[in-house]
C-alpha cells in the first residue's frame, strides 16, 4: 500500500511544482533524480561491491535500459503532465504491463495468450472514456492529445525497460541491475540538464525544491524499497494486485489537492483499466 501510495503521488508532486513556478520538465526531473542520488548511492555501494564482473554486453544493456526505463520514460511523463490531468496520466501509464507482454511476444519469443486481447479491450476502453471526458473539459483539445501521446510514449519506453530487465536481471541479479540502471538514468538526466539549460534555471522558489525532494524520497526511492520488501513477504502476485489501487489513489489525490474534476466517467474508466490489469495478472 505504501509503495502504491508513493508511486501514485508522483504525478501530484509534478503538478504541484508546475503550479508554483514555470519550471520546465528537464529541470524538474533533474532535481528529482539528483535528490534521489544520495539515498540510491548509499544503497548501491554495498550491493555493487558483490556484483559479478560485467562484460561489454552488460554495459550496453545497462545503458539502453537505464536511459529508456527511467530517463526517457520519466521525461515523457513529466512533459505529458503539462497538458493532461494527473488522473488521466496514471490510467494511460498503467497500460505498460500489456505493452510489456506484447514486446515479449513480438521480440523475445514469448507465447501470446488470448486473454491479452480482453485485457487490452477493457483497459483501452477505460482510457478512451477518461480521454473523452478530459477533452470535454477543455477548449484546447490539441493539448490533451499531445499530453496523452507523450504519456503513452512513457508507457512504451517503460514497457521496453520491463521486457529488457528480465534479460538483464538474469545476467546481473535484480538488485544490482536496478541500482545500476537508476545510476545511469541519473547521469543521463544531469547531462541533459547541464547541456541544454543554464545554471540560472535552478533559481526557483523553495516550494519547487520541497516538491522535488518529496518526489525523490517518497515517490522514487522509498517505494522501490517498500515494493521489494512486500514482494519478499507476500510474493509478486499479491504485491501487484495491491498496486492496482494506484490509479484510484492518483484520481482521489488530484481531486483533493489539485481540484481536478472527479466524475462518473473517470471512475468508470479507472474500473475498466483495473479490470484489464486483473485479467493480465490472473493465473
Protein backbone atom coordinates (compact mmCIF):
# COMPACT_ATOMS: atom_id res chain seq x y z
CA UNK A 1 0.00 0.00 0.00
CA UNK A 2 2.84 2.40 0.84
CA UNK A 3 4.55 1.67 -2.48
CA UNK A 4 1.29 2.22 -4.39
CA UNK A 5 0.76 5.47 -2.49
CA UNK A 6 4.30 6.69 -3.22
CA UNK A 7 4.25 5.86 -6.92
CA UNK A 8 0.74 7.31 -7.39
CA UNK A 9 1.70 10.56 -5.67
CA UNK A 10 4.50 11.31 -8.14
CA UNK A 11 2.12 12.92 -10.63
CA UNK A 12 0.67 15.06 -7.82
CA UNK A 13 4.14 16.36 -6.89
CA UNK A 14 4.81 17.23 -10.54
CA UNK A 15 1.53 19.10 -10.98
CA UNK A 16 2.03 20.98 -7.70
CA UNK A 17 5.51 22.07 -8.82
CA UNK A 18 4.13 23.26 -12.17
CA UNK A 19 1.56 25.38 -10.31
CA UNK A 20 4.21 27.11 -8.16
CA UNK A 21 6.55 28.31 -10.92
CA UNK A 22 7.15 27.95 -14.68
CA UNK A 23 9.68 25.13 -14.19
CA UNK A 24 10.38 23.01 -17.27
CA UNK A 25 10.29 19.17 -17.27
CA UNK A 26 14.07 18.82 -17.78
CA UNK A 27 14.89 20.93 -14.71
CA UNK A 28 12.23 19.29 -12.55
CA UNK A 29 13.35 15.78 -13.50
CA UNK A 30 16.98 16.69 -12.83
CA UNK A 31 16.08 17.93 -9.35
CA UNK A 32 14.13 14.75 -8.62
CA UNK A 33 16.88 12.40 -9.80
CA UNK A 34 19.73 14.39 -8.21
CA UNK A 35 17.96 14.46 -4.85
CA UNK A 36 17.48 10.70 -5.14
CA UNK A 37 21.20 10.14 -5.74
CA UNK A 38 22.48 10.19 -2.10
CA UNK A 39 19.92 7.59 -0.96
CA UNK A 40 20.47 5.42 -4.03
CA UNK A 41 24.28 5.64 -3.68
CA UNK A 42 24.14 4.60 -0.02
CA UNK A 43 22.14 1.54 -1.03
CA UNK A 44 24.12 0.80 -4.18
CA UNK A 45 27.66 0.85 -2.75
CA UNK A 46 27.43 -2.32 -0.59
CA UNK A 47 25.46 -4.10 -3.33
CA UNK A 48 27.85 -3.22 -6.13
CA UNK A 49 30.87 -4.47 -4.18
CA UNK A 50 29.47 -8.00 -4.56
CA UNK A 51 28.38 -7.75 -8.19
CA UNK A 52 29.95 -10.25 -10.63
CA UNK A 53 32.24 -8.98 -13.38
CA UNK A 54 30.28 -7.19 -16.09
CA UNK A 55 31.00 -7.71 -19.79
CA UNK A 56 30.65 -5.31 -22.70
CA UNK A 57 27.15 -6.60 -23.48
CA UNK A 58 26.11 -5.95 -19.87
CA UNK A 59 27.26 -2.33 -20.04
CA UNK A 60 25.41 -1.85 -23.34
CA UNK A 61 22.24 -3.36 -21.86
CA UNK A 62 22.52 -1.14 -18.79
CA UNK A 63 23.00 1.97 -20.92
CA UNK A 64 19.97 1.22 -23.12
CA UNK A 65 17.64 0.19 -20.29
CA UNK A 66 18.80 2.91 -17.89
CA UNK A 67 18.18 5.59 -20.49
CA UNK A 68 14.90 4.10 -21.77
CA UNK A 69 13.46 2.91 -18.48
CA UNK A 70 13.96 5.75 -16.05
CA UNK A 71 15.25 8.74 -18.00
CA UNK A 72 13.26 8.69 -21.26
CA UNK A 73 10.03 7.42 -19.73
CA UNK A 74 10.18 9.94 -16.87
CA UNK A 75 10.95 12.79 -19.29
CA UNK A 76 7.97 11.93 -21.49
CA UNK A 77 5.79 11.59 -18.39
CA UNK A 78 6.81 14.99 -16.99
CA UNK A 79 6.23 16.60 -20.40
CA UNK A 80 2.80 14.98 -20.71
CA UNK A 81 1.72 16.21 -17.28
CA UNK A 82 1.99 19.77 -18.59
CA UNK A 83 -1.08 19.06 -20.75
CA UNK A 84 -3.32 16.47 -19.07
CA UNK A 85 -4.73 15.70 -15.64
CA UNK A 86 -2.85 13.52 -13.17
CA UNK A 87 -5.72 11.02 -13.19
CA UNK A 88 -5.63 10.50 -16.96
CA UNK A 89 -1.83 10.26 -16.85
CA UNK A 90 -1.97 7.40 -14.36
CA UNK A 91 -4.58 5.50 -16.41
CA UNK A 92 -2.53 5.73 -19.62
CA UNK A 93 0.67 4.80 -17.80
CA UNK A 94 -0.91 1.67 -16.30
CA UNK A 95 -1.14 0.07 -19.76
CA UNK A 96 2.57 -0.77 -19.58
CA UNK A 97 2.03 -4.38 -18.35
CA UNK A 98 0.13 -5.21 -21.55
CA UNK A 99 2.72 -3.42 -23.68
CA UNK A 100 5.46 -5.38 -21.89
CA UNK A 101 3.73 -8.65 -22.80
CA UNK A 102 3.36 -7.57 -26.44
CA UNK A 103 7.06 -6.69 -26.65
CA UNK A 104 7.86 -10.12 -25.23
CA UNK A 105 5.63 -11.78 -27.83
CA UNK A 106 6.96 -9.90 -30.85
CA UNK A 107 10.65 -9.57 -29.93
CA UNK A 108 11.53 -12.09 -27.19
CA UNK A 109 9.74 -15.22 -28.36
CA UNK A 110 7.08 -15.25 -25.63
CA UNK A 111 3.75 -17.06 -26.09
CA UNK A 112 0.72 -14.93 -26.93
CA UNK A 113 -2.25 -15.52 -24.61
CA UNK A 114 -5.79 -14.83 -25.81
CA UNK A 115 -6.71 -13.15 -22.52
CA UNK A 116 -4.43 -10.26 -23.53
CA UNK A 117 -6.99 -9.20 -26.15
CA UNK A 118 -9.72 -8.95 -23.50
CA UNK A 119 -7.36 -7.07 -21.18
CA UNK A 120 -6.49 -4.58 -23.92
CA UNK A 121 -10.15 -4.03 -24.83
CA UNK A 122 -11.03 -3.32 -21.20
CA UNK A 123 -8.04 -1.08 -20.46
CA UNK A 124 -8.03 0.95 -23.65
CA UNK A 125 -11.82 1.25 -23.47
CA UNK A 126 -11.41 2.72 -19.98
CA UNK A 127 -8.72 5.12 -21.18
CA UNK A 128 -10.91 6.20 -24.09
CA UNK A 129 -13.77 7.05 -21.70
CA UNK A 130 -11.44 9.09 -19.46
CA UNK A 131 -9.81 10.68 -22.52
CA UNK A 132 -13.14 11.83 -23.99
CA UNK A 133 -14.06 13.15 -20.54
CA UNK A 134 -10.88 15.28 -20.41
CA UNK A 135 -11.46 16.52 -23.97
CA UNK A 136 -14.87 17.75 -22.89
CA UNK A 137 -13.38 19.79 -20.04
CA UNK A 138 -11.12 21.95 -22.17
CA UNK A 139 -11.40 24.10 -25.25
CA UNK A 140 -7.82 23.13 -26.18
CA UNK A 141 -8.33 19.52 -27.26
CA UNK A 142 -4.99 19.63 -29.10
CA UNK A 143 -3.15 19.89 -25.78
CA UNK A 144 -4.96 16.83 -24.38
CA UNK A 145 -3.98 14.84 -27.48
CA UNK A 146 -0.34 15.94 -27.13
CA UNK A 147 -0.25 15.13 -23.42
CA UNK A 148 -1.90 11.75 -23.90
CA UNK A 149 0.56 10.86 -26.68
CA UNK A 150 3.55 11.83 -24.54
CA UNK A 151 2.38 9.73 -21.59
CA UNK A 152 1.64 6.80 -23.89
CA UNK A 153 5.21 7.15 -25.15
CA UNK A 154 6.24 6.95 -21.49
CA UNK A 155 4.28 3.70 -21.12
CA UNK A 156 6.00 2.27 -24.21
CA UNK A 157 9.53 3.13 -23.03
CA UNK A 158 8.79 1.77 -19.56
CA UNK A 159 7.47 -1.45 -21.13
CA UNK A 160 10.72 -1.73 -23.11
CA UNK A 161 12.60 -1.37 -19.83
CA UNK A 162 10.50 -4.08 -18.15
CA UNK A 163 10.89 -6.51 -21.05
CA UNK A 164 14.64 -5.96 -21.22
CA UNK A 165 15.01 -6.08 -17.43
CA UNK A 166 14.11 -9.78 -17.47
CA UNK A 167 17.21 -10.45 -19.57
CA UNK A 168 19.43 -8.08 -17.56
CA UNK A 169 18.34 -9.48 -14.19
CA UNK A 170 19.23 -12.98 -15.37
CA UNK A 171 22.77 -11.75 -16.05
CA UNK A 172 23.36 -9.40 -13.09
CA UNK A 173 20.77 -10.07 -10.41
CA UNK A 174 17.69 -8.00 -9.56
CA UNK A 175 19.05 -5.50 -7.03
CA UNK A 176 22.42 -4.77 -8.74
CA UNK A 177 20.65 -4.22 -12.06
CA UNK A 178 18.04 -1.90 -10.52
CA UNK A 179 20.69 0.17 -8.75
CA UNK A 180 22.93 0.45 -11.81
CA UNK A 181 20.02 1.33 -14.11
CA UNK A 182 18.98 4.09 -11.70
CA UNK A 183 22.52 5.49 -11.62
CA UNK A 184 22.64 5.50 -15.44
CA UNK A 185 19.33 7.38 -15.59
CA UNK A 186 20.52 9.96 -13.06
CA UNK A 187 23.67 10.56 -15.10
CA UNK A 188 21.63 10.90 -18.32
CA UNK A 189 19.28 13.40 -16.68
CA UNK A 190 22.14 15.54 -15.36
CA UNK A 191 23.93 15.51 -18.73
CA UNK A 192 20.70 16.61 -20.44
CA UNK A 193 20.17 19.46 -18.00
CA UNK A 194 23.69 20.88 -18.00
CA UNK A 195 23.96 20.55 -21.80
CA UNK A 196 20.71 22.40 -22.52
CA UNK A 197 19.97 24.64 -19.52
CA UNK A 198 21.87 27.47 -17.81
CA UNK A 199 22.64 27.08 -14.12
CA UNK A 200 20.33 30.07 -13.58
CA UNK A 201 17.42 27.73 -14.37
CA UNK A 202 17.88 26.38 -10.83
CA UNK A 203 16.84 29.75 -9.40
CA UNK A 204 13.40 28.52 -8.38
CA UNK A 205 11.04 29.04 -5.42
CA UNK A 206 11.71 26.88 -2.38
CA UNK A 207 8.38 25.11 -2.90
CA UNK A 208 9.68 23.55 -6.14
CA UNK A 209 12.67 22.17 -4.23
CA UNK A 210 10.37 20.87 -1.50
CA UNK A 211 8.13 19.08 -4.01
CA UNK A 212 11.21 17.69 -5.79
CA UNK A 213 12.60 16.38 -2.50
CA UNK A 214 9.24 14.79 -1.67
CA UNK A 215 9.17 13.22 -5.11
CA UNK A 216 12.74 11.91 -4.71
CA UNK A 217 12.16 10.34 -1.28
CA UNK A 218 8.50 9.31 -1.23
CA UNK A 219 7.82 8.68 -4.95
CA UNK A 220 11.17 7.33 -6.15
CA UNK A 221 13.49 5.74 -3.60
CA UNK A 222 11.22 4.59 -0.77
CA UNK A 223 8.56 2.92 -2.99
CA UNK A 224 11.31 0.80 -4.57
CA UNK A 225 12.32 -0.47 -1.11
CA UNK A 226 8.71 -0.84 0.06
CA UNK A 227 7.77 -2.86 -3.03
CA UNK A 228 10.86 -5.08 -2.74
CA UNK A 229 10.05 -5.76 0.92
CA UNK A 230 6.42 -6.51 0.05
CA UNK A 231 7.41 -8.98 -2.70
CA UNK A 232 9.80 -10.68 -0.25
CA UNK A 233 7.00 -11.13 2.31
CA UNK A 234 3.84 -11.76 0.29
CA UNK A 235 5.06 -12.58 -3.22
CA UNK A 236 4.93 -10.67 -6.50
CA UNK A 237 1.34 -11.62 -7.42
CA UNK A 238 -0.21 -10.16 -4.25
CA UNK A 239 2.06 -7.13 -4.38
CA UNK A 240 0.95 -6.39 -7.95
CA UNK A 241 -2.72 -6.84 -7.02
CA UNK A 242 -2.43 -4.33 -4.17
CA UNK A 243 -0.57 -1.95 -6.50
CA UNK A 244 -3.67 -1.74 -8.71
CA UNK A 245 -5.05 0.79 -6.24
CA UNK A 246 -2.52 3.28 -7.67
CA UNK A 247 -4.74 4.88 -10.38
CA UNK A 248 -7.60 5.24 -7.89
CA UNK A 249 -5.31 6.97 -5.37
CA UNK A 250 -3.99 9.35 -8.04
CA UNK A 251 -7.51 10.36 -9.09
CA UNK A 252 -8.58 10.93 -5.47
CA UNK A 253 -5.49 12.98 -4.62
CA UNK A 254 -5.75 15.02 -7.83
CA UNK A 255 -9.38 15.81 -6.94
CA UNK A 256 -8.45 16.71 -3.35
CA UNK A 257 -5.18 18.63 -3.85
CA UNK A 258 -5.35 19.85 -7.46
CA UNK A 259 -9.09 20.50 -7.81
CA UNK A 260 -9.23 18.20 -10.81
CA UNK A 261 -12.79 17.03 -11.53
CA UNK A 262 -13.98 13.70 -10.15
CA UNK A 263 -16.64 12.27 -12.44
CA UNK A 264 -18.53 9.08 -13.16
CA UNK A 265 -16.65 8.78 -16.48
CA UNK A 266 -13.28 8.87 -14.72
CA UNK A 267 -14.31 6.28 -12.16
CA UNK A 268 -15.75 4.02 -14.87
CA UNK A 269 -12.58 4.36 -16.96
CA UNK A 270 -10.45 3.56 -13.92
CA UNK A 271 -12.57 0.49 -13.16
CA UNK A 272 -12.12 -0.82 -16.72
CA UNK A 273 -8.34 -0.27 -16.65
CA UNK A 274 -8.07 -2.11 -13.32
CA UNK A 275 -10.22 -4.98 -14.69
CA UNK A 276 -7.92 -5.21 -17.71
CA UNK A 277 -4.88 -5.46 -15.44
CA UNK A 278 -6.60 -8.12 -13.34
CA UNK A 279 -7.15 -10.18 -16.50
CA UNK A 280 -3.45 -9.86 -17.38
CA UNK A 281 -2.10 -10.96 -14.00
CA UNK A 282 -4.74 -13.63 -13.30
CA UNK A 283 -3.18 -17.11 -13.11
